[in-house]
C-alpha atoms as a PDB file:
ATOM      1  CA  UNK A   1     -17.634   7.311 -20.784  1.00  0.00           C
ATOM      2  CA  UNK A   2     -14.068   7.575 -21.079  1.00  0.00           C
ATOM      3  CA  UNK A   3     -12.779   3.941 -22.230  1.00  0.00           C
ATOM      4  CA  UNK A   4      -9.352   2.162 -20.593  1.00  0.00           C
ATOM      5  CA  UNK A   5      -7.143  -0.263 -22.491  1.00  0.00           C
ATOM      6  CA  UNK A   6      -6.061  -2.909 -20.576  1.00  0.00           C
ATOM      7  CA  UNK A   7      -4.288  -6.350 -20.718  1.00  0.00           C
ATOM      8  CA  UNK A   8      -3.675  -9.080 -18.387  1.00  0.00           C
ATOM      9  CA  UNK A   9      -0.766 -10.763 -17.708  1.00  0.00           C
ATOM     10  CA  UNK A  10      -0.838 -13.997 -15.423  1.00  0.00           C
ATOM     11  CA  UNK A  11       0.410 -17.712 -16.601  1.00  0.00           C
ATOM     12  CA  UNK A  12      -2.614 -19.542 -15.136  1.00  0.00           C
ATOM     13  CA  UNK A  13      -5.321 -19.815 -18.063  1.00  0.00           C
ATOM     14  CA  UNK A  14      -8.457 -20.276 -15.709  1.00  0.00           C
ATOM     15  CA  UNK A  15      -7.918 -16.958 -13.758  1.00  0.00           C
ATOM     16  CA  UNK A  16      -7.377 -15.326 -17.249  1.00  0.00           C
ATOM     17  CA  UNK A  17     -10.620 -16.250 -18.635  1.00  0.00           C
ATOM     18  CA  UNK A  18     -11.943 -15.662 -15.155  1.00  0.00           C
ATOM     19  CA  UNK A  19     -10.854 -12.130 -15.186  1.00  0.00           C
ATOM     20  CA  UNK A  20     -11.809 -11.514 -19.070  1.00  0.00           C
ATOM     21  CA  UNK A  21     -15.462 -12.608 -17.786  1.00  0.00           C
ATOM     22  CA  UNK A  22     -15.713 -10.456 -14.756  1.00  0.00           C
ATOM     23  CA  UNK A  23     -14.571  -7.383 -17.136  1.00  0.00           C
ATOM     24  CA  UNK A  24     -16.571  -7.824 -19.316  1.00  0.00           C
ATOM     25  CA  UNK A  25     -19.494  -8.158 -17.332  1.00  0.00           C
ATOM     26  CA  UNK A  26     -18.465  -5.745 -14.703  1.00  0.00           C
ATOM     27  CA  UNK A  27     -16.273  -3.127 -15.734  1.00  0.00           C
ATOM     28  CA  UNK A  28     -17.644  -1.655 -19.631  1.00  0.00           C
ATOM     29  CA  UNK A  29     -15.120   1.169 -19.027  1.00  0.00           C
ATOM     30  CA  UNK A  30     -12.418  -1.156 -19.737  1.00  0.00           C
ATOM     31  CA  UNK A  31     -11.178  -2.643 -23.188  1.00  0.00           C
ATOM     32  CA  UNK A  32      -9.559  -5.738 -22.730  1.00  0.00           C
ATOM     33  CA  UNK A  33      -6.811  -5.846 -25.633  1.00  0.00           C
ATOM     34  CA  UNK A  34      -4.632  -9.068 -24.997  1.00  0.00           C
ATOM     35  CA  UNK A  35      -3.727 -11.625 -22.447  1.00  0.00           C
ATOM     36  CA  UNK A  36      -0.222 -12.925 -21.605  1.00  0.00           C
ATOM     37  CA  UNK A  37       1.021 -16.021 -19.957  1.00  0.00           C
ATOM     38  CA  UNK A  38       4.728 -14.726 -19.339  1.00  0.00           C
ATOM     39  CA  UNK A  39       6.499 -10.940 -18.290  1.00  0.00           C
ATOM     40  CA  UNK A  40       8.135 -11.183 -21.972  1.00  0.00           C
ATOM     41  CA  UNK A  41       4.575 -11.774 -23.724  1.00  0.00           C
ATOM     42  CA  UNK A  42       2.954  -8.724 -21.610  1.00  0.00           C
ATOM     43  CA  UNK A  43       6.165  -6.807 -22.957  1.00  0.00           C
ATOM     44  CA  UNK A  44       5.105  -7.542 -26.511  1.00  0.00           C
ATOM     45  CA  UNK A  45       1.363  -6.597 -25.834  1.00  0.00           C
ATOM     46  CA  UNK A  46       2.221  -3.299 -24.093  1.00  0.00           C
ATOM     47  CA  UNK A  47       4.752  -2.342 -27.960  1.00  0.00           C
ATOM     48  CA  UNK A  48       1.281  -3.487 -29.651  1.00  0.00           C
ATOM     49  CA  UNK A  49      -1.213  -1.419 -27.717  1.00  0.00           C
ATOM     50  CA  UNK A  50      -1.673   2.202 -26.400  1.00  0.00           C
ATOM     51  CA  UNK A  51      -2.155   0.525 -22.749  1.00  0.00           C
ATOM     52  CA  UNK A  52      -3.714   2.314 -19.704  1.00  0.00           C
ATOM     53  CA  UNK A  53      -3.977  -0.360 -17.189  1.00  0.00           C
ATOM     54  CA  UNK A  54      -2.271  -3.816 -16.759  1.00  0.00           C
ATOM     55  CA  UNK A  55      -3.695  -6.799 -14.633  1.00  0.00           C
ATOM     56  CA  UNK A  56      -0.499  -8.227 -13.386  1.00  0.00           C
ATOM     57  CA  UNK A  57       0.032 -11.682 -11.754  1.00  0.00           C
ATOM     58  CA  UNK A  58       3.076 -11.698  -9.029  1.00  0.00           C
ATOM     59  CA  UNK A  59       4.011 -15.255  -8.977  1.00  0.00           C
ATOM     60  CA  UNK A  60       5.419 -16.516 -12.610  1.00  0.00           C
ATOM     61  CA  UNK A  61       7.916 -18.726 -13.369  1.00  0.00           C
ATOM     62  CA  UNK A  62      10.927 -17.028 -14.796  1.00  0.00           C
ATOM     63  CA  UNK A  63      10.255 -13.419 -14.451  1.00  0.00           C
ATOM     64  CA  UNK A  64       7.461 -12.505 -11.770  1.00  0.00           C
ATOM     65  CA  UNK A  65       5.559  -9.379 -11.273  1.00  0.00           C
ATOM     66  CA  UNK A  66       7.797  -7.209  -9.946  1.00  0.00           C
ATOM     67  CA  UNK A  67      10.643  -8.136 -12.140  1.00  0.00           C
ATOM     68  CA  UNK A  68       8.475  -7.216 -15.269  1.00  0.00           C
ATOM     69  CA  UNK A  69       7.725  -3.846 -13.225  1.00  0.00           C
ATOM     70  CA  UNK A  70      11.665  -3.126 -13.190  1.00  0.00           C
ATOM     71  CA  UNK A  71      11.487  -3.796 -17.100  1.00  0.00           C
ATOM     72  CA  UNK A  72       9.012  -1.190 -18.600  1.00  0.00           C
ATOM     73  CA  UNK A  73       7.872   2.670 -17.505  1.00  0.00           C
ATOM     74  CA  UNK A  74       5.723   1.921 -14.983  1.00  0.00           C
ATOM     75  CA  UNK A  75       4.742   4.942 -14.021  1.00  0.00           C
ATOM     76  CA  UNK A  76       3.115   5.364 -17.160  1.00  0.00           C
ATOM     77  CA  UNK A  77       0.308   2.716 -16.410  1.00  0.00           C
ATOM     78  CA  UNK A  78      -2.135   1.663 -13.672  1.00  0.00           C
ATOM     79  CA  UNK A  79      -1.082  -1.089 -12.298  1.00  0.00           C
ATOM     80  CA  UNK A  80      -3.716  -3.911 -10.436  1.00  0.00           C
ATOM     81  CA  UNK A  81      -1.620  -6.925  -9.207  1.00  0.00           C
ATOM     82  CA  UNK A  82      -3.888 -10.100  -8.849  1.00  0.00           C
ATOM     83  CA  UNK A  83      -2.094 -12.399  -6.265  1.00  0.00           C
ATOM     84  CA  UNK A  84      -2.910 -15.446  -4.147  1.00  0.00           C
ATOM     85  CA  UNK A  85      -2.276 -14.669  -0.357  1.00  0.00           C
ATOM     86  CA  UNK A  86       1.234 -13.923   0.239  1.00  0.00           C
ATOM     87  CA  UNK A  87       1.893 -12.250   3.010  1.00  0.00           C
ATOM     88  CA  UNK A  88       5.136 -10.557   2.336  1.00  0.00           C
ATOM     89  CA  UNK A  89       4.005  -9.455  -1.152  1.00  0.00           C
ATOM     90  CA  UNK A  90       0.801  -8.121   0.332  1.00  0.00           C
ATOM     91  CA  UNK A  91       2.680  -5.618   3.110  1.00  0.00           C
ATOM     92  CA  UNK A  92       4.900  -4.726   0.282  1.00  0.00           C
ATOM     93  CA  UNK A  93       1.969  -3.782  -2.137  1.00  0.00           C
ATOM     94  CA  UNK A  94      -0.133  -2.059   1.000  1.00  0.00           C
ATOM     95  CA  UNK A  95       2.856  -0.467   1.903  1.00  0.00           C
ATOM     96  CA  UNK A  96       3.201   1.321  -1.191  1.00  0.00           C
ATOM     97  CA  UNK A  97      -0.322   2.014  -1.837  1.00  0.00           C
ATOM     98  CA  UNK A  98      -0.641  -0.166  -4.778  1.00  0.00           C
ATOM     99  CA  UNK A  99      -3.937  -1.266  -5.969  1.00  0.00           C
ATOM    100  CA  UNK A 100      -4.283  -5.272  -5.919  1.00  0.00           C
ATOM    101  CA  UNK A 101      -7.042  -8.074  -5.963  1.00  0.00           C
ATOM    102  CA  UNK A 102      -6.651 -11.130  -4.455  1.00  0.00           C
ATOM    103  CA  UNK A 103      -7.481 -14.616  -6.234  1.00  0.00           C
ATOM    104  CA  UNK A 104     -10.233 -15.518  -6.362  1.00  0.00           C
ATOM    105  CA  UNK A 105     -11.358 -12.284  -7.634  1.00  0.00           C
ATOM    106  CA  UNK A 106     -14.761 -10.659  -6.478  1.00  0.00           C
ATOM    107  CA  UNK A 107     -16.638  -8.982  -8.439  1.00  0.00           C
ATOM    108  CA  UNK A 108     -17.096  -5.698  -6.734  1.00  0.00           C
ATOM    109  CA  UNK A 109     -13.602  -5.632  -5.464  1.00  0.00           C
ATOM    110  CA  UNK A 110     -12.782  -5.413  -9.030  1.00  0.00           C
ATOM    111  CA  UNK A 111     -15.045  -2.783  -9.784  1.00  0.00           C
ATOM    112  CA  UNK A 112     -13.293  -0.854  -6.979  1.00  0.00           C
ATOM    113  CA  UNK A 113     -10.024  -1.653  -8.301  1.00  0.00           C
ATOM    114  CA  UNK A 114     -10.754  -0.182 -11.734  1.00  0.00           C
ATOM    115  CA  UNK A 115     -12.347   2.500 -10.757  1.00  0.00           C
ATOM    116  CA  UNK A 116      -9.366   3.986  -8.522  1.00  0.00           C
ATOM    117  CA  UNK A 117      -6.613   2.891 -10.369  1.00  0.00           C
ATOM    118  CA  UNK A 118      -7.844   4.808 -13.562  1.00  0.00           C
ATOM    119  CA  UNK A 119      -9.022   7.644 -11.668  1.00  0.00           C
ATOM    120  CA  UNK A 120      -5.303   7.979 -10.098  1.00  0.00           C
ATOM    121  CA  UNK A 121      -4.361   7.751 -14.025  1.00  0.00           C
ATOM    122  CA  UNK A 122      -6.206  10.219 -15.141  1.00  0.00           C
ATOM    123  CA  UNK A 123      -5.218  12.629 -11.867  1.00  0.00           C
ATOM    124  CA  UNK A 124      -1.271  11.511 -12.682  1.00  0.00           C
ATOM    125  CA  UNK A 125      -1.694  13.023 -16.552  1.00  0.00           C
ATOM    126  CA  UNK A 126      -3.003  16.141 -15.227  1.00  0.00           C
ATOM    127  CA  UNK A 127      -0.005  16.654 -12.457  1.00  0.00           C
ATOM    128  CA  UNK A 128       3.912  15.778 -13.311  1.00  0.00           C
ATOM    129  CA  UNK A 129       5.008  15.662  -9.367  1.00  0.00           C
ATOM    130  CA  UNK A 130       1.667  13.020  -8.737  1.00  0.00           C
ATOM    131  CA  UNK A 131       3.089  10.979 -11.720  1.00  0.00           C
ATOM    132  CA  UNK A 132       6.485  11.046 -10.618  1.00  0.00           C
ATOM    133  CA  UNK A 133       5.734  10.000  -6.878  1.00  0.00           C
ATOM    134  CA  UNK A 134       3.832   7.284  -8.305  1.00  0.00           C
ATOM    135  CA  UNK A 135       6.660   6.107 -10.341  1.00  0.00           C
ATOM    136  CA  UNK A 136       8.949   6.424  -6.957  1.00  0.00           C
ATOM    137  CA  UNK A 137       6.620   4.601  -5.032  1.00  0.00           C
ATOM    138  CA  UNK A 138       6.802   1.664  -7.502  1.00  0.00           C
ATOM    139  CA  UNK A 139      10.320   1.813  -7.769  1.00  0.00           C
ATOM    140  CA  UNK A 140      10.164   1.331  -3.865  1.00  0.00           C
ATOM    141  CA  UNK A 141       7.854  -1.326  -4.151  1.00  0.00           C
ATOM    142  CA  UNK A 142      10.225  -3.324  -6.688  1.00  0.00           C
ATOM    143  CA  UNK A 143      12.921  -2.821  -4.587  1.00  0.00           C
ATOM    144  CA  UNK A 144      11.230  -3.656  -1.131  1.00  0.00           C
ATOM    145  CA  UNK A 145      10.114  -7.269  -2.968  1.00  0.00           C
ATOM    146  CA  UNK A 146      13.969  -7.477  -4.737  1.00  0.00           C
ATOM    147  CA  UNK A 147      15.696  -7.779  -1.564  1.00  0.00           C
ATOM    148  CA  UNK A 148      13.154  -9.509   0.700  1.00  0.00           C
ATOM    149  CA  UNK A 149      12.780  -6.369   3.160  1.00  0.00           C
ATOM    150  CA  UNK A 150       9.835  -6.895   5.290  1.00  0.00           C
ATOM    151  CA  UNK A 151       9.032  -3.759   6.911  1.00  0.00           C
ATOM    152  CA  UNK A 152       9.823  -0.917   4.194  1.00  0.00           C
ATOM    153  CA  UNK A 153      11.767   2.618   5.461  1.00  0.00           C
ATOM    154  CA  UNK A 154       9.169   4.640   3.632  1.00  0.00           C
ATOM    155  CA  UNK A 155       5.662   4.029   2.930  1.00  0.00           C
ATOM    156  CA  UNK A 156       3.381   5.706   0.204  1.00  0.00           C
ATOM    157  CA  UNK A 157       0.637   7.610   1.786  1.00  0.00           C
ATOM    158  CA  UNK A 158      -2.705   7.330  -0.704  1.00  0.00           C
ATOM    159  CA  UNK A 159      -4.308  11.298  -0.674  1.00  0.00           C
ATOM    160  CA  UNK A 160      -7.424  12.726  -1.954  1.00  0.00           C
ATOM    161  CA  UNK A 161      -5.281  14.213  -4.795  1.00  0.00           C
ATOM    162  CA  UNK A 162      -2.476  12.299  -5.173  1.00  0.00           C
ATOM    163  CA  UNK A 163       0.433  10.558  -3.133  1.00  0.00           C
ATOM    164  CA  UNK A 164       2.804  11.179  -0.532  1.00  0.00           C
ATOM    165  CA  UNK A 165       5.986   9.369  -0.048  1.00  0.00           C
ATOM    166  CA  UNK A 166       6.936   9.059   3.710  1.00  0.00           C
ATOM    167  CA  UNK A 167      10.156   7.885   5.532  1.00  0.00           C
ATOM    168  CA  UNK A 168       8.749   5.994   8.192  1.00  0.00           C
ATOM    169  CA  UNK A 169      11.007   6.931  10.997  1.00  0.00           C
ATOM    170  CA  UNK A 170       9.250  10.062  10.885  1.00  0.00           C
ATOM    171  CA  UNK A 171       6.085   8.852  11.749  1.00  0.00           C
ATOM    172  CA  UNK A 172       5.550  10.028  15.545  1.00  0.00           C
ATOM    173  CA  UNK A 173       1.892   8.760  16.362  1.00  0.00           C
ATOM    174  CA  UNK A 174      -1.023   8.191  13.765  1.00  0.00           C
ATOM    175  CA  UNK A 175      -4.434   8.564  15.424  1.00  0.00           C
ATOM    176  CA  UNK A 176      -8.041   7.289  13.934  1.00  0.00           C
ATOM    177  CA  UNK A 177     -10.609  10.298  12.868  1.00  0.00           C
ATOM    178  CA  UNK A 178     -13.848   8.623  11.883  1.00  0.00           C
ATOM    179  CA  UNK A 179     -13.475   6.843   8.618  1.00  0.00           C
ATOM    180  CA  UNK A 180      -9.830   8.329   8.043  1.00  0.00           C
ATOM    181  CA  UNK A 181      -6.281   8.195   9.558  1.00  0.00           C
ATOM    182  CA  UNK A 182      -4.468  11.382  10.732  1.00  0.00           C
ATOM    183  CA  UNK A 183      -0.442  10.911  10.796  1.00  0.00           C
ATOM    184  CA  UNK A 184       1.660  13.073  12.903  1.00  0.00           C
ATOM    185  CA  UNK A 185       4.927  14.073  11.478  1.00  0.00           C
ATOM    186  CA  UNK A 186       8.087  14.523  13.280  1.00  0.00           C
ATOM    187  CA  UNK A 187       9.012  18.229  12.003  1.00  0.00           C
ATOM    188  CA  UNK A 188       5.804  18.611   9.523  1.00  0.00           C
ATOM    189  CA  UNK A 189       2.327  18.897   9.406  1.00  0.00           C
ATOM    190  CA  UNK A 190      -0.616  16.148   9.734  1.00  0.00           C
ATOM    191  CA  UNK A 191      -1.168  13.980   6.685  1.00  0.00           C
ATOM    192  CA  UNK A 192      -4.641  12.950   6.231  1.00  0.00           C
ATOM    193  CA  UNK A 193      -5.339   9.227   4.823  1.00  0.00           C
ATOM    194  CA  UNK A 194      -8.164   7.000   4.063  1.00  0.00           C
ATOM    195  CA  UNK A 195      -6.665   3.892   5.512  1.00  0.00           C
ATOM    196  CA  UNK A 196      -7.882   3.217   8.644  1.00  0.00           C
ATOM    197  CA  UNK A 197      -5.177   2.899  11.787  1.00  0.00           C
ATOM    198  CA  UNK A 198      -5.714  -1.011  11.621  1.00  0.00           C
ATOM    199  CA  UNK A 199      -3.837  -1.189   7.839  1.00  0.00           C
ATOM    200  CA  UNK A 200      -1.101   0.748   9.080  1.00  0.00           C
ATOM    201  CA  UNK A 201      -0.764  -1.418  11.824  1.00  0.00           C
ATOM    202  CA  UNK A 202      -0.396  -4.351   9.382  1.00  0.00           C
ATOM    203  CA  UNK A 203       2.575  -2.665   7.234  1.00  0.00           C
ATOM    204  CA  UNK A 204       4.547  -1.157   9.922  1.00  0.00           C
ATOM    205  CA  UNK A 205       7.301  -2.832  12.408  1.00  0.00           C
ATOM    206  CA  UNK A 206       5.385  -4.115  15.131  1.00  0.00           C
ATOM    207  CA  UNK A 207       8.860  -3.963  17.586  1.00  0.00           C
ATOM    208  CA  UNK A 208       8.533   0.037  16.676  1.00  0.00           C
ATOM    209  CA  UNK A 209       4.836   0.893  16.224  1.00  0.00           C
ATOM    210  CA  UNK A 210       2.344  -0.378  19.074  1.00  0.00           C
ATOM    211  CA  UNK A 211      -1.196  -0.216  19.250  1.00  0.00           C
ATOM    212  CA  UNK A 212      -1.785   1.850  22.728  1.00  0.00           C
ATOM    213  CA  UNK A 213      -5.451   2.531  22.105  1.00  0.00           C
ATOM    214  CA  UNK A 214      -8.076   1.474  19.405  1.00  0.00           C
ATOM    215  CA  UNK A 215      -7.765   4.711  17.830  1.00  0.00           C
ATOM    216  CA  UNK A 216      -3.655   5.542  18.252  1.00  0.00           C
ATOM    217  CA  UNK A 217      -0.647   3.807  16.830  1.00  0.00           C
ATOM    218  CA  UNK A 218       2.566   4.913  18.751  1.00  0.00           C
ATOM    219  CA  UNK A 219       6.214   4.970  17.222  1.00  0.00           C
ATOM    220  CA  UNK A 220       8.117   4.406  20.840  1.00  0.00           C
ATOM    221  CA  UNK A 221      11.229   6.009  19.415  1.00  0.00           C
ATOM    222  CA  UNK A 222       9.199   9.316  20.169  1.00  0.00           C
ATOM    223  CA  UNK A 223       8.134   8.124  23.604  1.00  0.00           C
ATOM    224  CA  UNK A 224       9.728   9.832  26.123  1.00  0.00           C
ATOM    225  CA  UNK A 225       7.370   9.306  29.738  1.00  0.00           C
ATOM    226  CA  UNK A 226       4.574   7.738  31.118  1.00  0.00           C
ATOM    227  CA  UNK A 227       2.000   8.884  33.505  1.00  0.00           C
ATOM    228  CA  UNK A 228      -0.632   7.188  35.595  1.00  0.00           C
ATOM    229  CA  UNK A 229      -2.417  10.108  36.974  1.00  0.00           C
ATOM    230  CA  UNK A 230      -6.131   9.958  36.280  1.00  0.00           C
ATOM    231  CA  UNK A 231      -5.651   7.593  33.920  1.00  0.00           C
ATOM    232  CA  UNK A 232      -2.446   6.117  31.775  1.00  0.00           C
ATOM    233  CA  UNK A 233      -0.902   7.933  29.159  1.00  0.00           C
ATOM    234  CA  UNK A 234       1.830   8.330  26.984  1.00  0.00           C
ATOM    235  CA  UNK A 235       4.079  11.349  26.824  1.00  0.00           C
ATOM    236  CA  UNK A 236       5.915  11.837  23.822  1.00  0.00           C
ATOM    237  CA  UNK A 237       8.717  13.979  23.057  1.00  0.00           C
ATOM    238  CA  UNK A 238       7.054  17.004  22.435  1.00  0.00           C
ATOM    239  CA  UNK A 239       5.217  16.659  25.894  1.00  0.00           C
ATOM    240  CA  UNK A 240       2.154  15.642  23.741  1.00  0.00           C
ATOM    241  CA  UNK A 241       0.131  13.286  26.092  1.00  0.00           C
ATOM    242  CA  UNK A 242      -1.634   9.632  24.368  1.00  0.00           C
ATOM    243  CA  UNK A 243      -3.900   7.815  26.417  1.00  0.00           C
ATOM    244  CA  UNK A 244      -3.357   4.275  26.773  1.00  0.00           C
ATOM    245  CA  UNK A 245      -6.463   1.956  26.778  1.00  0.00           C
ATOM    246  CA  UNK A 246      -6.870  -0.453  29.978  1.00  0.00           C
ATOM    247  CA  UNK A 247      -7.055  -3.079  27.229  1.00  0.00           C
ATOM    248  CA  UNK A 248      -3.822  -2.205  25.711  1.00  0.00           C
ATOM    249  CA  UNK A 249      -1.603  -1.345  28.575  1.00  0.00           C
ATOM    250  CA  UNK A 250      -0.059  -4.540  29.233  1.00  0.00           C
ATOM    251  CA  UNK A 251       0.956  -4.750  25.502  1.00  0.00           C
ATOM    252  CA  UNK A 252       2.234  -1.525  26.079  1.00  0.00           C
ATOM    253  CA  UNK A 253       4.437  -2.430  28.794  1.00  0.00           C
ATOM    254  CA  UNK A 254       5.338  -5.603  27.025  1.00  0.00           C
ATOM    255  CA  UNK A 255       6.329  -3.498  23.898  1.00  0.00           C
ATOM    256  CA  UNK A 256       8.404  -1.075  26.076  1.00  0.00           C
ATOM    257  CA  UNK A 257      10.400  -3.821  27.881  1.00  0.00           C
ATOM    258  CA  UNK A 258      11.586  -5.390  24.735  1.00  0.00           C
ATOM    259  CA  UNK A 259      12.185  -2.150  22.972  1.00  0.00           C
ATOM    260  CA  UNK A 260      14.481  -1.713  26.247  1.00  0.00           C
ATOM    261  CA  UNK A 261      16.238  -4.882  26.073  1.00  0.00           C
ATOM    262  CA  UNK A 262      17.264  -4.120  22.267  1.00  0.00           C
ATOM    263  CA  UNK A 263      18.797  -1.187  22.969  1.00  0.00           C
ATOM    264  CA  UNK A 264      20.733  -2.352  26.135  1.00  0.00           C
END
């Protein structure tokens, strides 16, 4: 079994202790080397130990987790954010496909996060391009948090063998395929993501991306027409026809009306 050296950076002593106990009980592959209650002390631990995995709190006094990221060679580590529910922060994390845990931490979610983060770390060590893409994703995350951007212009797609950073404006539509999503991109091939369509709906601008069917999320920038012949269909710029469900028809119509007003 491969062992991963880890540190916890969190200003709450009760959270530190709870996470330490959960790691000891549920994640035998994790060797906890130290705990820090501030970003500065976290950097000291990184200098002292050969660390692979960082459990990083977002909200800390003085220097928060995003600011800490900007001060270290972040792509060298597997980062798992620990946070209470903060909508803007979670959207930024999800947008950039970074691992996170909500407080109070659930043991099963901890196991899943450690397994995913460590496997991605192993993958990045074998592929410099994946390592570079992961680093760029973390840079996008830090920038998005710093600038207070609600909906980022780029998102990171987690694929089976790495990461893919994609410009949001190039996404034409996203459709469900079983437990996966197929992202259709302007001028490019499809990308398969393990995220369900509903997760993309949470991180993309709802004034632009409209759920027209339980299995389809449409970027209305690519909408060129509408047909009600034998059902309701959205017609895209390449003549692709996407079914609009009866339940979503009014939402689709409202979205088009609002979009039309915004460009008048």
